[in-house]
Amino acid sequence: MNTGRISRYEHEELRTLASGSMLTTYVAVGTAMENALIKYRIVNETDANLTISFDGVTDHDRIPANTAYIDDAALESGGSSRLAKGTTIYVKYDLGAGPTTGDVFVTAIYNKYL
């Protein structure tokens, strides 16, 4: 979306959740987003398959062990879509032993208008 204003990509602080803090119920990966995001990346460096949620209740997607999920909302929508400010990303593992090593990381990118 061309607003006629100049902007640049900015990053929010990296959010991390250690494998030892994960449960079979949703746990937040850091804090809520401070900005509306144009792109985000979730990296699952654990040894377990994880389910992600954007409301802490509903299963929205799965991230296999040792993989990443990238969403470029602005690119896919021609620049008009964003992940809403205030969104929190949650993860959980399925029944069983759960992850024994690794962390989950969320990288958040937004437009800062100059």
N, C-alpha and C. Protein backbone atom coordinates (compact mmCIF):
# COMPACT_ATOMS: atom_id res chain seq x y z
N MET A 1 0.85 -1.17 0.00
CA MET A 1 0.00 0.00 0.00
C MET A 1 0.90 1.23 0.00
N ASN A 2 0.77 2.06 -1.01
CA ASN A 2 1.57 3.28 -1.12
C ASN A 2 0.80 4.42 -0.49
N THR A 3 1.28 4.88 0.65
CA THR A 3 0.61 5.97 1.36
C THR A 3 1.21 7.31 1.01
N GLY A 4 2.27 7.32 0.19
CA GLY A 4 2.93 8.56 -0.15
C GLY A 4 3.91 9.00 0.94
N ARG A 5 3.99 8.24 2.02
CA ARG A 5 4.91 8.57 3.10
C ARG A 5 6.14 7.67 3.00
N ILE A 6 7.26 8.16 3.47
CA ILE A 6 8.49 7.39 3.49
C ILE A 6 8.51 6.54 4.76
N SER A 7 8.92 5.28 4.59
CA SER A 7 9.00 4.40 5.76
C SER A 7 10.26 3.55 5.66
N ARG A 8 10.58 2.91 6.76
CA ARG A 8 11.69 1.97 6.77
C ARG A 8 11.30 0.79 7.66
N TYR A 9 11.94 -0.35 7.38
CA TYR A 9 11.72 -1.53 8.22
C TYR A 9 12.37 -1.31 9.58
N GLU A 10 11.66 -1.70 10.62
CA GLU A 10 12.19 -1.69 11.98
C GLU A 10 11.88 -3.05 12.61
N HIS A 11 12.67 -3.45 13.58
CA HIS A 11 12.48 -4.71 14.27
C HIS A 11 12.09 -4.47 15.72
N GLU A 12 11.13 -5.22 16.19
CA GLU A 12 10.84 -5.23 17.62
C GLU A 12 11.87 -6.13 18.30
N GLU A 13 11.92 -6.07 19.62
CA GLU A 13 12.84 -6.90 20.37
C GLU A 13 12.54 -8.38 20.12
N LEU A 14 13.58 -9.18 20.00
CA LEU A 14 13.45 -10.62 19.79
C LEU A 14 12.71 -11.24 20.97
N ARG A 15 11.76 -12.10 20.66
CA ARG A 15 11.02 -12.82 21.70
C ARG A 15 11.49 -14.26 21.71
N THR A 16 11.67 -14.83 22.91
CA THR A 16 12.22 -16.18 23.05
C THR A 16 11.45 -16.95 24.11
N LEU A 17 11.28 -18.26 23.87
CA LEU A 17 10.71 -19.16 24.86
C LEU A 17 11.57 -20.42 24.88
N ALA A 18 12.11 -20.75 26.04
CA ALA A 18 12.97 -21.92 26.19
C ALA A 18 12.14 -23.21 26.21
N SER A 19 12.72 -24.29 25.73
CA SER A 19 12.00 -25.56 25.66
C SER A 19 11.48 -26.01 27.02
N GLY A 20 12.22 -25.72 28.07
CA GLY A 20 11.80 -26.13 29.41
C GLY A 20 10.58 -25.39 29.93
N SER A 21 10.19 -24.30 29.27
CA SER A 21 9.01 -23.53 29.67
C SER A 21 7.76 -23.90 28.88
N MET A 22 7.90 -24.80 27.91
CA MET A 22 6.76 -25.18 27.06
C MET A 22 5.92 -26.25 27.73
N LEU A 23 4.61 -26.19 27.44
CA LEU A 23 3.63 -27.10 28.04
C LEU A 23 2.73 -27.69 26.97
N THR A 24 1.78 -28.53 27.38
CA THR A 24 0.77 -29.04 26.46
C THR A 24 -0.40 -28.07 26.35
N THR A 25 -0.34 -26.95 27.04
CA THR A 25 -1.28 -25.84 26.88
C THR A 25 -0.47 -24.64 26.39
N TYR A 26 -1.14 -23.68 25.81
CA TYR A 26 -0.43 -22.55 25.19
C TYR A 26 0.32 -21.69 26.19
N VAL A 27 1.54 -21.33 25.79
CA VAL A 27 2.41 -20.43 26.54
C VAL A 27 2.84 -19.31 25.60
N ALA A 28 2.79 -18.07 26.06
CA ALA A 28 3.18 -16.92 25.23
C ALA A 28 4.67 -16.93 24.95
N VAL A 29 5.02 -16.61 23.71
CA VAL A 29 6.42 -16.40 23.35
C VAL A 29 6.67 -14.90 23.50
N GLY A 30 7.09 -14.50 24.67
CA GLY A 30 7.34 -13.09 24.93
C GLY A 30 6.05 -12.30 25.11
N THR A 31 6.16 -11.01 24.86
CA THR A 31 5.06 -10.08 25.07
C THR A 31 4.29 -9.83 23.79
N ALA A 32 3.18 -9.11 23.93
CA ALA A 32 2.35 -8.74 22.78
C ALA A 32 3.13 -7.80 21.85
N MET A 33 2.77 -7.82 20.58
CA MET A 33 3.41 -6.97 19.58
C MET A 33 3.11 -5.50 19.86
N GLU A 34 4.13 -4.70 19.82
CA GLU A 34 3.97 -3.27 20.08
C GLU A 34 3.53 -2.49 18.85
N ASN A 35 3.65 -3.12 17.69
CA ASN A 35 3.30 -2.48 16.42
C ASN A 35 2.52 -3.45 15.55
N ALA A 36 1.87 -2.93 14.54
CA ALA A 36 1.25 -3.78 13.52
C ALA A 36 2.37 -4.29 12.63
N LEU A 37 2.49 -5.60 12.49
CA LEU A 37 3.63 -6.19 11.79
C LEU A 37 3.37 -6.39 10.31
N ILE A 38 4.40 -6.13 9.52
CA ILE A 38 4.31 -6.44 8.10
C ILE A 38 4.93 -7.80 7.80
N LYS A 39 5.79 -8.27 8.72
CA LYS A 39 6.43 -9.57 8.54
C LYS A 39 6.82 -10.10 9.91
N TYR A 40 6.74 -11.42 10.06
CA TYR A 40 7.25 -12.04 11.28
C TYR A 40 7.78 -13.42 10.94
N ARG A 41 8.66 -13.91 11.80
CA ARG A 41 9.25 -15.23 11.62
C ARG A 41 9.24 -15.94 12.96
N ILE A 42 8.81 -17.21 12.94
CA ILE A 42 8.85 -18.05 14.13
C ILE A 42 9.82 -19.19 13.84
N VAL A 43 10.85 -19.30 14.64
CA VAL A 43 11.86 -20.35 14.46
C VAL A 43 11.72 -21.34 15.61
N ASN A 44 11.50 -22.61 15.24
CA ASN A 44 11.40 -23.68 16.23
C ASN A 44 12.71 -24.46 16.23
N GLU A 45 13.60 -24.11 17.15
CA GLU A 45 14.88 -24.82 17.26
C GLU A 45 14.80 -25.96 18.27
N THR A 46 13.58 -26.34 18.67
CA THR A 46 13.44 -27.46 19.61
C THR A 46 13.41 -28.78 18.86
N ASP A 47 13.44 -29.86 19.62
CA ASP A 47 13.38 -31.19 19.04
C ASP A 47 11.95 -31.76 19.08
N ALA A 48 10.95 -30.86 19.09
CA ALA A 48 9.54 -31.29 19.13
C ALA A 48 8.72 -30.50 18.12
N ASN A 49 7.68 -31.14 17.60
CA ASN A 49 6.71 -30.43 16.76
C ASN A 49 5.87 -29.54 17.66
N LEU A 50 5.61 -28.31 17.22
CA LEU A 50 4.85 -27.36 18.02
C LEU A 50 3.63 -26.89 17.27
N THR A 51 2.60 -26.49 18.01
CA THR A 51 1.41 -25.87 17.45
C THR A 51 1.44 -24.41 17.87
N ILE A 52 1.05 -23.51 16.94
CA ILE A 52 1.03 -22.08 17.27
C ILE A 52 -0.40 -21.57 17.28
N SER A 53 -0.58 -20.50 18.05
CA SER A 53 -1.89 -19.85 18.17
C SER A 53 -1.67 -18.35 18.26
N PHE A 54 -2.63 -17.60 17.73
CA PHE A 54 -2.57 -16.14 17.82
C PHE A 54 -3.57 -15.60 18.85
N ASP A 55 -4.30 -16.51 19.51
CA ASP A 55 -5.23 -16.07 20.57
C ASP A 55 -5.06 -16.87 21.86
N GLY A 56 -4.16 -17.85 21.86
CA GLY A 56 -3.90 -18.65 23.05
C GLY A 56 -4.92 -19.75 23.30
N VAL A 57 -5.85 -19.93 22.37
CA VAL A 57 -6.90 -20.94 22.52
C VAL A 57 -6.99 -21.82 21.28
N THR A 58 -7.04 -21.20 20.12
CA THR A 58 -7.27 -21.88 18.85
C THR A 58 -5.96 -22.36 18.23
N ASP A 59 -5.94 -23.61 17.76
CA ASP A 59 -4.78 -24.12 17.01
C ASP A 59 -4.81 -23.49 15.62
N HIS A 60 -3.76 -22.72 15.28
CA HIS A 60 -3.73 -22.04 13.98
C HIS A 60 -2.77 -22.66 12.99
N ASP A 61 -1.66 -23.21 13.46
CA ASP A 61 -0.69 -23.80 12.53
C ASP A 61 0.26 -24.69 13.31
N ARG A 62 1.05 -25.49 12.57
CA ARG A 62 2.04 -26.37 13.18
C ARG A 62 3.41 -25.99 12.65
N ILE A 63 4.40 -26.13 13.51
CA ILE A 63 5.79 -25.91 13.10
C ILE A 63 6.58 -27.15 13.50
N PRO A 64 7.02 -27.92 12.51
CA PRO A 64 7.80 -29.13 12.83
C PRO A 64 9.11 -28.76 13.55
N ALA A 65 9.66 -29.73 14.25
CA ALA A 65 10.93 -29.54 14.97
C ALA A 65 12.00 -29.03 14.01
N ASN A 66 12.82 -28.12 14.51
CA ASN A 66 13.97 -27.59 13.77
C ASN A 66 13.62 -26.98 12.42
N THR A 67 12.52 -26.22 12.38
CA THR A 67 12.13 -25.52 11.16
C THR A 67 11.67 -24.11 11.52
N ALA A 68 11.31 -23.35 10.48
CA ALA A 68 10.85 -21.98 10.69
C ALA A 68 9.57 -21.73 9.90
N TYR A 69 8.79 -20.77 10.36
CA TYR A 69 7.57 -20.33 9.72
C TYR A 69 7.73 -18.83 9.48
N ILE A 70 7.55 -18.39 8.25
CA ILE A 70 7.69 -16.98 7.92
C ILE A 70 6.39 -16.49 7.29
N ASP A 71 5.91 -15.34 7.74
CA ASP A 71 4.72 -14.73 7.16
C ASP A 71 5.07 -13.30 6.76
N ASP A 72 4.96 -13.03 5.47
CA ASP A 72 5.19 -11.69 4.94
C ASP A 72 3.83 -11.13 4.54
N ALA A 73 3.08 -10.68 5.53
CA ALA A 73 1.70 -10.26 5.32
C ALA A 73 1.59 -9.12 4.32
N ALA A 74 2.47 -8.16 4.38
CA ALA A 74 2.40 -7.00 3.50
C ALA A 74 2.66 -7.40 2.05
N LEU A 75 3.65 -8.26 1.81
CA LEU A 75 3.97 -8.69 0.46
C LEU A 75 2.81 -9.47 -0.15
N GLU A 76 2.25 -10.39 0.62
CA GLU A 76 1.18 -11.24 0.12
C GLU A 76 -0.11 -10.48 -0.16
N SER A 77 -0.28 -9.31 0.45
CA SER A 77 -1.52 -8.56 0.27
C SER A 77 -1.33 -7.29 -0.55
N GLY A 78 -0.16 -7.13 -1.15
CA GLY A 78 0.10 -5.91 -1.90
C GLY A 78 0.36 -4.72 -0.98
N GLY A 79 0.74 -4.99 0.25
CA GLY A 79 1.11 -3.94 1.18
C GLY A 79 0.02 -3.48 2.12
N SER A 80 -1.17 -4.05 2.03
CA SER A 80 -2.28 -3.53 2.83
C SER A 80 -2.54 -4.29 4.14
N SER A 81 -1.99 -5.50 4.29
CA SER A 81 -2.28 -6.30 5.49
C SER A 81 -1.17 -6.19 6.53
N ARG A 82 -1.58 -6.37 7.77
CA ARG A 82 -0.65 -6.35 8.90
C ARG A 82 -1.15 -7.36 9.93
N LEU A 83 -0.21 -7.91 10.72
CA LEU A 83 -0.59 -8.66 11.92
C LEU A 83 -0.85 -7.60 12.98
N ALA A 84 -2.00 -7.63 13.58
CA ALA A 84 -2.47 -6.54 14.44
C ALA A 84 -1.55 -6.24 15.62
N LYS A 85 -1.42 -4.97 15.91
CA LYS A 85 -0.73 -4.53 17.13
C LYS A 85 -1.43 -5.19 18.31
N GLY A 86 -0.65 -5.64 19.30
CA GLY A 86 -1.23 -6.28 20.47
C GLY A 86 -1.34 -7.79 20.36
N THR A 87 -1.06 -8.35 19.17
CA THR A 87 -1.12 -9.80 19.00
C THR A 87 0.00 -10.47 19.79
N THR A 88 -0.32 -11.57 20.43
CA THR A 88 0.67 -12.40 21.12
C THR A 88 0.73 -13.73 20.40
N ILE A 89 1.93 -14.26 20.22
CA ILE A 89 2.10 -15.57 19.60
C ILE A 89 2.34 -16.59 20.72
N TYR A 90 1.57 -17.68 20.66
CA TYR A 90 1.62 -18.73 21.67
C TYR A 90 2.07 -20.04 21.03
N VAL A 91 2.72 -20.90 21.81
CA VAL A 91 3.10 -22.23 21.33
C VAL A 91 2.76 -23.28 22.38
N LYS A 92 2.58 -24.51 21.91
CA LYS A 92 2.41 -25.67 22.80
C LYS A 92 2.94 -26.89 22.06
N TYR A 93 3.21 -27.95 22.81
CA TYR A 93 3.58 -29.21 22.18
C TYR A 93 2.47 -30.21 22.43
N ASP A 94 2.45 -31.26 21.61
CA ASP A 94 1.44 -32.31 21.77
C ASP A 94 1.75 -33.15 22.98
N LEU A 95 0.83 -34.02 23.32
CA LEU A 95 1.03 -34.92 24.45
C LEU A 95 2.31 -35.72 24.29
N GLY A 96 2.93 -36.03 25.39
CA GLY A 96 4.19 -36.77 25.35
C GLY A 96 5.24 -36.05 26.15
N ALA A 97 6.48 -36.40 25.91
CA ALA A 97 7.58 -35.86 26.68
C ALA A 97 7.83 -34.38 26.43
N GLY A 98 7.51 -33.89 25.26
CA GLY A 98 7.77 -32.49 24.94
C GLY A 98 9.21 -32.25 24.56
N PRO A 99 9.54 -31.01 24.23
CA PRO A 99 10.90 -30.71 23.79
C PRO A 99 11.90 -30.86 24.93
N THR A 100 13.08 -31.36 24.58
CA THR A 100 14.13 -31.52 25.59
C THR A 100 15.28 -30.55 25.40
N THR A 101 15.30 -29.89 24.26
CA THR A 101 16.37 -28.95 23.97
C THR A 101 15.88 -27.88 23.01
N GLY A 102 16.55 -26.74 23.02
CA GLY A 102 16.26 -25.68 22.06
C GLY A 102 15.26 -24.65 22.56
N ASP A 103 15.05 -23.63 21.74
CA ASP A 103 14.16 -22.52 22.04
C ASP A 103 13.28 -22.23 20.83
N VAL A 104 12.26 -21.41 21.06
CA VAL A 104 11.45 -20.84 19.98
C VAL A 104 11.73 -19.35 19.97
N PHE A 105 11.93 -18.80 18.78
CA PHE A 105 12.20 -17.38 18.62
C PHE A 105 11.16 -16.75 17.71
N VAL A 106 10.75 -15.52 18.04
CA VAL A 106 9.86 -14.75 17.17
C VAL A 106 10.55 -13.44 16.82
N THR A 107 10.74 -13.21 15.53
CA THR A 107 11.28 -11.98 14.99
C THR A 107 10.11 -11.19 14.41
N ALA A 108 9.98 -9.91 14.78
CA ALA A 108 8.84 -9.09 14.36
C ALA A 108 9.34 -7.85 13.63
N ILE A 109 8.79 -7.60 12.43
CA ILE A 109 9.21 -6.47 11.60
C ILE A 109 8.00 -5.60 11.29
N TYR A 110 8.17 -4.29 11.41
CA TYR A 110 7.09 -3.35 11.13
C TYR A 110 7.62 -2.17 10.33
N ASN A 111 6.72 -1.38 9.76
CA ASN A 111 7.09 -0.15 9.04
C ASN A 111 7.09 1.00 10.02
N LYS A 112 8.16 1.75 10.01
CA LYS A 112 8.22 2.99 10.80
C LYS A 112 8.18 4.13 9.80
N TYR A 113 7.15 4.96 9.90
CA TYR A 113 7.02 6.07 8.96
C TYR A 113 7.83 7.26 9.45
N LEU A 114 8.58 7.85 8.53
CA LEU A 114 9.47 8.97 8.85
C LEU A 114 8.79 10.31 8.64
